[in-house]
N, C-alpha and C. Protein backbone atom coordinates (compact mmCIF):
# COMPACT_ATOMS: atom_id res chain seq x y z
N MET A 1 1.28 -1.02 0.00
CA MET A 1 -0.13 -0.32 -0.06
C MET A 1 0.94 1.24 0.20
N LYS A 2 0.87 2.05 -0.78
CA LYS A 2 1.52 3.61 -0.98
C LYS A 2 0.33 4.38 -0.18
N PHE A 3 0.78 5.55 0.31
CA PHE A 3 0.19 6.85 1.14
C PHE A 3 0.51 8.14 0.17
N CYS A 4 -0.02 8.42 0.61
CA CYS A 4 -0.25 10.11 -0.38
C CYS A 4 1.14 11.17 0.32
N LYS A 5 1.61 10.67 1.91
CA LYS A 5 2.73 11.38 2.60
C LYS A 5 3.07 9.68 3.52
N ASP A 6 4.18 10.62 3.89
CA ASP A 6 4.92 9.70 5.06
C ASP A 6 3.81 10.29 6.38
N ILE A 7 4.11 8.21 6.46
CA ILE A 7 3.22 8.69 8.04
C ILE A 7 3.99 8.65 9.28
N LEU A 8 4.22 9.43 10.02
CA LEU A 8 4.82 9.05 11.24
C LEU A 8 4.13 8.21 12.38
N LYS A 9 5.60 6.94 12.09
CA LYS A 9 5.29 5.63 13.31
C LYS A 9 5.47 6.87 14.80
N ASN A 10 4.44 6.70 15.49
CA ASN A 10 5.09 7.02 16.99
C ASN A 10 5.56 5.24 17.83
N GLU A 11 5.75 5.46 19.03
CA GLU A 11 6.06 4.94 19.64
C GLU A 11 5.80 3.27 19.66
N GLN A 12 6.28 2.48 20.12
CA GLN A 12 5.96 0.69 20.36
C GLN A 12 5.73 0.63 21.68
N TYR A 13 4.58 -0.56 21.26
CA TYR A 13 4.21 -0.75 22.44
C TYR A 13 3.66 -1.88 22.57
N ASP A 14 3.75 -2.77 23.86
CA ASP A 14 3.59 -4.40 23.80
C ASP A 14 2.69 -4.90 23.20
N ILE A 15 1.44 -3.99 23.42
CA ILE A 15 0.21 -4.18 23.06
C ILE A 15 -1.16 -3.23 22.52
N ILE A 16 -1.69 -3.16 22.11
CA ILE A 16 -2.55 -2.36 21.15
C ILE A 16 -3.97 -2.81 21.03
N VAL A 17 -4.75 -2.24 21.93
CA VAL A 17 -6.30 -2.38 21.94
C VAL A 17 -6.89 -1.89 21.18
N ALA A 18 -7.64 -2.10 20.63
CA ALA A 18 -8.61 -0.83 20.02
C ALA A 18 -10.09 -1.28 19.87
N GLY A 19 -10.52 -0.30 20.67
CA GLY A 19 -12.00 -0.76 21.07
C GLY A 19 -12.16 -0.49 22.66
N ALA A 20 -12.50 0.45 23.41
CA ALA A 20 -12.93 1.04 25.12
C ALA A 20 -14.11 0.45 25.11
N GLY A 21 -14.84 -0.97 24.97
CA GLY A 21 -15.94 -0.75 25.20
C GLY A 21 -15.15 -2.55 26.42
N PRO A 22 -16.35 -3.44 27.38
CA PRO A 22 -16.09 -3.64 28.63
C PRO A 22 -14.84 -4.90 28.03
N ALA A 23 -14.75 -5.35 26.73
CA ALA A 23 -13.71 -6.24 26.00
C ALA A 23 -12.44 -5.39 26.25
N GLY A 24 -12.76 -4.17 25.58
CA GLY A 24 -10.94 -3.84 25.21
C GLY A 24 -10.63 -3.14 26.55
N ILE A 25 -11.35 -2.60 27.21
CA ILE A 25 -11.12 -2.67 28.67
C ILE A 25 -10.36 -3.64 29.38
N ALA A 26 -11.12 -4.82 29.61
CA ALA A 26 -10.75 -5.97 30.56
C ALA A 26 -9.68 -6.15 29.69
N ALA A 27 -9.33 -6.40 28.41
CA ALA A 27 -8.32 -7.18 27.93
C ALA A 27 -6.96 -6.05 28.18
N ALA A 28 -7.24 -4.74 27.84
CA ALA A 28 -6.18 -3.32 28.34
C ALA A 28 -5.44 -3.61 29.87
N ALA A 29 -6.48 -3.65 30.82
CA ALA A 29 -6.22 -3.50 31.89
C ALA A 29 -5.35 -5.02 32.60
N ALA A 30 -5.25 -6.16 31.94
CA ALA A 30 -5.24 -7.40 32.39
C ALA A 30 -3.65 -7.32 31.50
N ALA A 31 -3.92 -6.68 30.45
CA ALA A 31 -2.56 -6.49 30.02
C ALA A 31 -1.56 -5.89 30.84
N GLY A 32 -2.01 -4.35 30.71
CA GLY A 32 -1.04 -3.60 31.50
C GLY A 32 -1.30 -4.18 33.36
N ARG A 33 -1.80 -5.37 34.13
CA ARG A 33 -1.68 -5.12 35.11
C ARG A 33 -0.19 -5.84 35.24
N GLU A 34 -0.23 -6.64 34.42
CA GLU A 34 1.13 -7.76 33.92
C GLU A 34 2.60 -7.18 33.54
N GLY A 35 2.71 -5.23 33.60
CA GLY A 35 3.54 -4.86 33.07
C GLY A 35 4.05 -4.58 32.19
N LYS A 36 3.22 -5.00 31.03
CA LYS A 36 3.35 -4.78 29.65
C LYS A 36 2.85 -2.74 29.22
N LYS A 37 3.58 -2.49 28.01
CA LYS A 37 2.66 -1.16 28.11
C LYS A 37 2.03 -1.53 26.57
N VAL A 38 0.33 -0.65 27.26
CA VAL A 38 -0.46 -0.86 26.26
C VAL A 38 -1.03 0.49 26.08
N LEU A 39 -1.52 0.47 25.30
CA LEU A 39 -2.24 1.55 24.52
C LEU A 39 -3.60 1.14 23.52
N LEU A 40 -4.91 1.52 24.20
CA LEU A 40 -6.29 1.13 24.12
C LEU A 40 -6.04 2.68 23.02
N ILE A 41 -7.56 2.23 22.45
CA ILE A 41 -7.62 3.08 21.26
C ILE A 41 -9.17 3.02 21.08
N GLU A 42 -9.57 4.71 21.16
CA GLU A 42 -11.40 4.67 21.19
C GLU A 42 -11.81 5.91 20.65
N ALA A 43 -12.42 5.02 19.60
CA ALA A 43 -13.18 5.99 18.43
C ALA A 43 -14.33 6.99 19.15
N SER A 44 -14.81 7.03 20.27
CA SER A 44 -15.14 8.21 20.69
C SER A 44 -15.23 8.59 21.91
N GLY A 45 -15.57 9.59 22.57
CA GLY A 45 -14.55 9.92 23.79
C GLY A 45 -14.57 9.95 25.14
N GLN A 46 -15.18 8.79 25.40
CA GLN A 46 -15.39 8.26 26.60
C GLN A 46 -15.73 6.67 26.40
N LEU A 47 -15.48 5.73 27.81
CA LEU A 47 -14.36 4.35 27.56
C LEU A 47 -16.39 3.65 27.99
N GLY A 48 -16.52 2.59 28.03
CA GLY A 48 -17.73 1.78 27.89
C GLY A 48 -18.58 1.26 27.25
N GLY A 49 -18.07 1.61 25.46
CA GLY A 49 -18.85 1.43 24.75
C GLY A 49 -20.63 1.46 24.56
N MET A 50 -20.82 0.08 24.60
CA MET A 50 -22.39 0.09 24.18
C MET A 50 -23.30 0.64 25.74
N ALA A 51 -22.27 -0.28 27.20
CA ALA A 51 -23.23 0.37 28.21
C ALA A 51 -22.78 1.69 28.38
N THR A 52 -22.27 2.66 27.95
CA THR A 52 -22.44 4.03 28.39
C THR A 52 -22.59 4.84 26.85
N THR A 53 -22.18 4.80 26.21
CA THR A 53 -22.67 5.32 24.72
C THR A 53 -23.66 4.93 23.91
N GLY A 54 -23.68 3.38 24.04
CA GLY A 54 -25.33 3.31 23.60
C GLY A 54 -26.45 3.45 24.55
N LEU A 55 -25.96 3.55 25.98
CA LEU A 55 -27.16 3.75 27.15
C LEU A 55 -28.20 2.73 27.48
N VAL A 56 -27.17 1.69 27.53
CA VAL A 56 -27.39 0.00 27.80
C VAL A 56 -28.36 0.29 29.44
N PRO A 57 -29.29 -0.33 29.53
CA PRO A 57 -29.80 0.67 31.04
C PRO A 57 -29.63 -0.53 31.94
N ALA A 58 -28.90 -1.35 31.88
CA ALA A 58 -29.31 -2.60 32.93
C ALA A 58 -28.10 -3.82 32.55
N TRP A 59 -26.79 -4.42 33.36
CA TRP A 59 -26.02 -4.90 33.55
C TRP A 59 -26.73 -6.63 33.21
N THR A 60 -26.56 -7.21 32.66
CA THR A 60 -26.89 -8.42 31.90
C THR A 60 -27.00 -9.48 33.28
N PRO A 61 -27.46 -10.44 33.37
CA PRO A 61 -27.96 -11.16 34.73
C PRO A 61 -26.50 -11.45 35.23
N TYR A 62 -25.62 -11.35 36.53
CA TYR A 62 -24.21 -11.77 36.59
C TYR A 62 -24.04 -12.64 37.30
N SER A 63 -25.59 -13.57 37.51
CA SER A 63 -25.20 -14.84 38.63
C SER A 63 -25.84 -15.89 38.38
N ASP A 64 -26.28 -16.88 38.75
CA ASP A 64 -27.03 -18.08 37.91
C ASP A 64 -28.50 -18.36 38.78
N GLY A 65 -28.67 -17.37 39.35
CA GLY A 65 -30.10 -16.53 40.49
C GLY A 65 -29.43 -16.59 41.26
N ILE A 66 -28.40 -17.17 42.28
CA ILE A 66 -27.76 -16.91 43.48
C ILE A 66 -27.00 -16.26 43.94
N ARG A 67 -25.69 -16.51 42.90
CA ARG A 67 -24.38 -15.83 43.52
C ARG A 67 -23.96 -15.46 41.75
N VAL A 68 -22.71 -14.73 42.11
CA VAL A 68 -22.04 -14.09 40.93
C VAL A 68 -21.15 -15.65 40.27
N ILE A 69 -21.70 -14.96 38.85
CA ILE A 69 -21.09 -15.92 38.39
C ILE A 69 -19.73 -15.63 37.44
N TYR A 70 -19.77 -14.56 36.99
CA TYR A 70 -18.00 -13.89 36.32
C TYR A 70 -17.15 -13.12 37.26
N GLY A 71 -15.89 -13.52 36.94
CA GLY A 71 -15.28 -12.70 37.49
C GLY A 71 -14.36 -12.05 37.20
N GLY A 72 -12.98 -12.09 38.05
CA GLY A 72 -12.28 -10.79 37.48
C GLY A 72 -12.39 -9.55 37.50
N ILE A 73 -11.81 -9.09 36.58
CA ILE A 73 -12.53 -7.62 36.21
C ILE A 73 -13.74 -7.09 36.07
N SER A 74 -14.32 -8.22 35.31
CA SER A 74 -15.84 -7.85 35.20
C SER A 74 -16.92 -7.60 36.72
N GLU A 75 -16.54 -8.58 37.55
CA GLU A 75 -16.61 -8.94 38.98
C GLU A 75 -16.48 -7.37 39.32
N ARG A 76 -15.27 -6.99 39.42
CA ARG A 76 -14.48 -6.24 40.08
C ARG A 76 -15.88 -4.45 39.63
N ILE A 77 -15.45 -4.54 38.29
CA ILE A 77 -16.14 -3.34 37.93
C ILE A 77 -17.78 -3.06 38.46
N PHE A 78 -18.30 -4.89 38.12
CA PHE A 78 -19.87 -4.51 38.51
C PHE A 78 -19.97 -4.48 39.77
N LYS A 79 -19.27 -4.93 40.80
CA LYS A 79 -19.06 -4.68 42.14
C LYS A 79 -19.14 -2.74 42.45
N GLU A 80 -18.10 -2.56 41.94
CA GLU A 80 -17.53 -0.91 42.25
C GLU A 80 -18.56 0.24 41.89
N THR A 81 -19.25 -0.48 40.89
CA THR A 81 -20.18 0.66 40.31
C THR A 81 -21.50 0.79 40.83
N LYS A 82 -21.81 -0.65 41.27
CA LYS A 82 -23.12 -1.28 41.42
C LYS A 82 -23.07 -0.74 43.12
N ALA A 83 -21.74 -0.23 44.11
CA ALA A 83 -21.48 -0.14 45.33
C ALA A 83 -21.84 2.03 45.39
N LYS A 84 -21.53 2.45 44.16
CA LYS A 84 -21.99 3.69 43.95
C LYS A 84 -23.22 4.16 43.49
N MET A 85 -24.34 3.03 43.55
CA MET A 85 -25.90 3.18 43.49
C MET A 85 -26.35 2.91 44.98
N PRO A 86 -26.32 4.17 46.13
CA PRO A 86 -27.16 3.29 47.36
C PRO A 86 -28.33 2.78 47.01
N HIS A 87 -29.03 3.16 46.36
CA HIS A 87 -30.47 2.96 46.19
C HIS A 87 -30.36 1.12 45.57
N ILE A 88 -29.13 0.44 44.95
CA ILE A 88 -29.55 -0.97 44.57
C ILE A 88 -28.58 -1.47 45.95
N ASP A 89 -29.75 -2.53 45.38
CA ASP A 89 -29.56 -3.52 47.21
C ASP A 89 -28.22 -4.40 46.83
N LYS A 90 -27.50 -4.02 47.57
CA LYS A 90 -26.06 -4.57 47.69
C LYS A 90 -26.05 -6.17 47.51
N ASP A 91 -26.74 -6.87 47.51
CA ASP A 91 -26.74 -8.66 47.05
C ASP A 91 -27.67 -9.08 45.75
N ARG A 92 -28.03 -7.57 45.57
CA ARG A 92 -28.69 -7.76 43.99
C ARG A 92 -27.34 -8.34 42.74
N VAL A 93 -27.88 -9.42 41.79
CA VAL A 93 -27.01 -9.46 40.87
C VAL A 93 -27.64 -9.50 39.54
N ASP A 94 -29.01 -9.46 39.84
CA ASP A 94 -29.63 -9.50 38.24
C ASP A 94 -30.28 -8.72 37.67
N TRP A 95 -29.82 -7.73 36.59
CA TRP A 95 -30.50 -6.97 36.35
C TRP A 95 -30.39 -5.63 36.89
N VAL A 96 -29.04 -5.69 37.37
CA VAL A 96 -28.70 -4.22 37.68
C VAL A 96 -28.71 -2.96 37.09
N ALA A 97 -29.58 -2.26 36.93
CA ALA A 97 -29.25 -0.82 36.49
C ALA A 97 -27.47 -0.02 36.67
N ILE A 98 -27.69 0.44 35.05
CA ILE A 98 -25.93 0.53 34.80
C ILE A 98 -26.58 2.43 35.51
N ASP A 99 -25.81 2.76 36.53
CA ASP A 99 -24.95 4.32 36.05
C ASP A 99 -23.75 4.23 35.40
N TYR A 100 -23.78 5.42 34.16
CA TYR A 100 -23.41 5.47 33.62
C TYR A 100 -22.00 6.68 33.84
N GLU A 101 -22.22 6.95 34.90
CA GLU A 101 -21.30 8.11 35.00
C GLU A 101 -20.08 7.35 36.06
N ALA A 102 -20.69 6.71 36.95
CA ALA A 102 -20.21 5.81 37.66
C ALA A 102 -19.05 4.97 36.95
N LEU A 103 -19.50 4.11 35.67
CA LEU A 103 -19.04 3.15 35.34
C LEU A 103 -17.85 3.64 34.31
N LYS A 104 -17.86 4.76 33.91
CA LYS A 104 -16.81 5.28 33.18
C LYS A 104 -15.61 5.34 34.18
N GLU A 105 -16.42 6.55 35.35
CA GLU A 105 -15.34 6.41 36.55
C GLU A 105 -14.52 5.57 36.73
N ASN A 106 -15.04 3.99 36.68
CA ASN A 106 -14.67 3.01 37.66
C ASN A 106 -13.43 2.55 36.41
N TYR A 107 -14.01 2.49 35.18
CA TYR A 107 -13.17 1.99 34.57
C TYR A 107 -11.96 2.94 34.04
N ALA A 108 -11.97 4.33 34.08
CA ALA A 108 -10.95 5.47 34.14
C ALA A 108 -10.18 4.96 35.48
N ASN A 109 -10.35 4.67 35.68
CA ASN A 109 -9.31 4.66 37.63
C ASN A 109 -9.06 3.25 37.30
N LEU A 110 -9.60 1.99 37.07
CA LEU A 110 -8.81 0.48 36.35
C LEU A 110 -8.12 1.46 35.48
N LEU A 111 -8.41 1.88 34.38
CA LEU A 111 -7.08 1.93 33.24
C LEU A 111 -5.44 3.07 33.64
N LYS A 112 -5.96 3.74 35.14
CA LYS A 112 -5.09 4.46 35.15
C LYS A 112 -3.97 3.36 36.38
N GLU A 113 -4.75 2.95 37.00
CA GLU A 113 -4.15 1.72 37.85
C GLU A 113 -3.57 0.98 37.21
N THR A 114 -3.51 0.74 35.94
CA THR A 114 -2.79 -0.65 35.56
C THR A 114 -1.60 0.22 33.83
N GLY A 115 -1.94 1.75 34.55
CA GLY A 115 -1.52 2.25 33.36
C GLY A 115 -1.26 2.20 32.16
N VAL A 116 -2.55 1.50 31.89
CA VAL A 116 -2.83 1.83 30.00
C VAL A 116 -2.81 3.34 29.64
N GLN A 117 -1.92 3.44 28.61
CA GLN A 117 -2.47 4.89 27.67
C GLN A 117 -3.85 4.39 27.29
N VAL A 118 -4.52 5.90 26.30
CA VAL A 118 -5.91 5.89 26.39
C VAL A 118 -5.66 6.74 25.06
N LEU A 119 -5.82 6.71 23.89
CA LEU A 119 -5.98 7.59 22.90
C LEU A 119 -7.70 7.56 22.37
N TYR A 120 -8.09 9.04 22.74
CA TYR A 120 -9.80 9.51 22.34
C TYR A 120 -9.90 9.80 21.26
N HIS A 121 -10.96 10.16 20.94
CA HIS A 121 -11.22 10.45 19.18
C HIS A 121 -10.99 10.23 18.47
N THR A 122 -10.13 8.42 18.64
CA THR A 122 -9.28 8.01 17.25
C THR A 122 -9.79 7.13 16.82
N THR A 123 -9.80 7.55 15.47
CA THR A 123 -10.57 5.87 14.60
C THR A 123 -8.85 5.16 13.53
N VAL A 124 -8.88 3.82 14.04
CA VAL A 124 -8.00 2.65 13.15
C VAL A 124 -8.49 2.73 11.85
N CYS A 125 -8.04 3.48 10.89
CA CYS A 125 -8.37 3.24 9.52
C CYS A 125 -7.73 2.24 8.46
N ASP A 126 -6.56 1.37 8.98
CA ASP A 126 -5.92 1.09 7.89
C ASP A 126 -5.18 0.23 8.76
N VAL A 127 -3.72 -0.57 8.65
CA VAL A 127 -2.81 -1.53 8.64
C VAL A 127 -1.46 -1.43 8.25
N VAL A 128 -0.85 -1.92 8.31
CA VAL A 128 0.60 -1.82 7.41
C VAL A 128 0.53 -3.05 7.92
N MET A 129 1.27 -4.15 7.39
CA MET A 129 1.42 -5.78 7.32
C MET A 129 3.04 -5.56 7.55
N LYS A 130 3.28 -6.31 7.97
CA LYS A 130 4.97 -6.73 7.94
C LYS A 130 4.78 -7.61 7.01
N ASP A 131 4.03 -9.16 6.65
CA ASP A 131 3.91 -10.06 5.76
C ASP A 131 2.48 -10.35 5.88
N GLU A 132 2.13 -11.54 5.05
CA GLU A 132 0.83 -11.76 5.05
C GLU A 132 0.09 -11.47 5.84
N ARG A 133 0.60 -12.54 7.23
CA ARG A 133 0.08 -12.87 8.19
C ARG A 133 0.15 -12.13 9.48
N ASN A 134 1.26 -10.66 9.81
CA ASN A 134 1.22 -9.96 10.85
C ASN A 134 1.37 -8.79 10.49
N ILE A 135 0.56 -8.09 11.32
CA ILE A 135 0.45 -7.25 11.18
C ILE A 135 1.79 -6.26 11.64
N ASP A 136 2.46 -5.23 11.44
CA ASP A 136 3.19 -4.36 11.74
C ASP A 136 2.76 -2.94 12.83
N SER A 137 1.65 -2.76 12.28
CA SER A 137 1.37 -1.25 13.70
C SER A 137 -0.60 -0.89 12.65
N VAL A 138 -0.98 -0.44 13.34
CA VAL A 138 -2.12 0.08 13.23
C VAL A 138 -2.10 1.97 12.52
N VAL A 139 -2.69 2.05 11.64
CA VAL A 139 -2.72 3.54 10.86
C VAL A 139 -3.92 4.34 11.74
N VAL A 140 -3.70 5.35 12.77
CA VAL A 140 -5.11 5.80 13.15
C VAL A 140 -5.01 7.22 12.65
N ALA A 141 -6.06 8.23 12.78
CA ALA A 141 -6.86 9.09 12.35
C ALA A 141 -7.05 10.32 13.74
N ASN A 142 -6.85 11.23 14.28
CA ASN A 142 -7.61 12.10 15.00
C ASN A 142 -7.23 13.27 14.24
N LYS A 143 -7.50 14.36 15.89
CA LYS A 143 -7.14 16.09 15.80
C LYS A 143 -4.86 16.24 15.43
N SER A 144 -4.68 15.17 15.66
CA SER A 144 -3.51 15.65 15.66
C SER A 144 -2.49 14.69 13.99
N GLY A 145 -3.97 14.25 13.51
CA GLY A 145 -3.52 14.06 12.35
C GLY A 145 -3.91 12.24 11.88
N ILE A 146 -2.77 11.70 11.23
CA ILE A 146 -2.57 10.72 11.16
C ILE A 146 -1.17 10.19 11.40
N CYS A 147 -1.32 9.04 11.81
CA CYS A 147 -0.12 8.43 12.50
C CYS A 147 -0.25 6.60 12.63
N ALA A 148 0.91 6.58 13.31
CA ALA A 148 0.73 4.73 13.25
C ALA A 148 1.26 4.28 14.80
N TYR A 149 1.03 3.38 14.94
CA TYR A 149 1.92 3.04 16.21
C TYR A 149 2.03 1.14 15.94
N SER A 150 3.10 0.52 16.80
CA SER A 150 3.40 -0.58 15.96
C SER A 150 3.72 -1.59 17.79
N ALA A 151 3.17 -2.88 17.68
CA ALA A 151 3.47 -3.13 18.64
C ALA A 151 3.43 -5.08 17.96
N PRO A 152 4.02 -6.09 18.61
CA PRO A 152 3.79 -7.28 18.47
C PRO A 152 2.61 -7.97 18.59
N VAL A 153 1.42 -7.67 19.73
CA VAL A 153 0.18 -8.03 19.79
C VAL A 153 -0.71 -6.72 19.25
N PHE A 154 -1.88 -7.14 18.72
CA PHE A 154 -3.02 -6.05 18.41
C PHE A 154 -4.27 -7.30 18.94
N ILE A 155 -4.83 -6.28 19.33
CA ILE A 155 -6.33 -6.93 19.77
C ILE A 155 -7.20 -5.79 19.45
N ASP A 156 -8.47 -7.01 18.68
CA ASP A 156 -9.15 -5.96 17.81
C ASP A 156 -10.87 -6.43 18.47
N CYS A 157 -10.84 -5.06 19.68
CA CYS A 157 -12.65 -5.42 20.37
C CYS A 157 -13.44 -3.48 19.85
N THR A 158 -13.39 -3.75 18.27
CA THR A 158 -13.80 -3.01 18.10
C THR A 158 -15.34 -2.38 18.03
N GLY A 159 -15.94 -4.25 17.86
CA GLY A 159 -17.73 -4.46 17.86
C GLY A 159 -17.32 -4.55 16.36
N ASP A 160 -16.94 -3.84 15.42
CA ASP A 160 -16.78 -4.26 13.80
C ASP A 160 -16.02 -4.95 13.25
N ALA A 161 -15.24 -5.58 14.12
CA ALA A 161 -13.78 -6.42 13.43
C ALA A 161 -12.76 -5.47 12.63
N ASP A 162 -12.67 -4.07 12.83
CA ASP A 162 -11.96 -3.33 12.02
C ASP A 162 -10.50 -3.65 11.88
N ILE A 163 -10.24 -3.65 12.65
CA ILE A 163 -8.14 -4.48 12.55
C ILE A 163 -8.01 -5.10 11.39
N TYR A 164 -9.33 -6.42 11.66
CA TYR A 164 -9.06 -7.96 11.24
C TYR A 164 -9.49 -7.31 9.66
N ALA A 165 -10.24 -6.07 9.27
CA ALA A 165 -11.16 -5.72 8.15
C ALA A 165 -10.03 -5.32 7.38
N PHE A 166 -9.32 -4.67 7.94
CA PHE A 166 -8.68 -4.19 7.11
C PHE A 166 -6.91 -4.65 7.05
């Protein structure tokens, strides 16, 4: 692929995650927690994907009807967000309303705690391939212009499989 102009190649990361919905945040935070240098790319101006931007009204059941069955980062975020809603019974695990602002705050705290760098208002617009099977870098566009970020590992949580499509 030829570009109209040279694209600035920014710093190298260990892992690049595209999409800051629940899956992308969990993947980025888990990698950051393991000491990896992680870049999380998000097309919108906020964290949470459809849970926040799409205004999903409630968490899907987190239980088998009796106890929580999801663990790890997901359970942590669920419990921390629910704790900020005093009108919700602390033992409730099914169809709990989502407080969007509390959820975004908890996601942001998790990413800060794990050292993940987030690029907001940034769209993945292409990939540069090393060879037929391996990606060298993702090309992104935002108000700073067009640039590329490299990593040995890319995780596509865009919801539309943007990296895979490119």
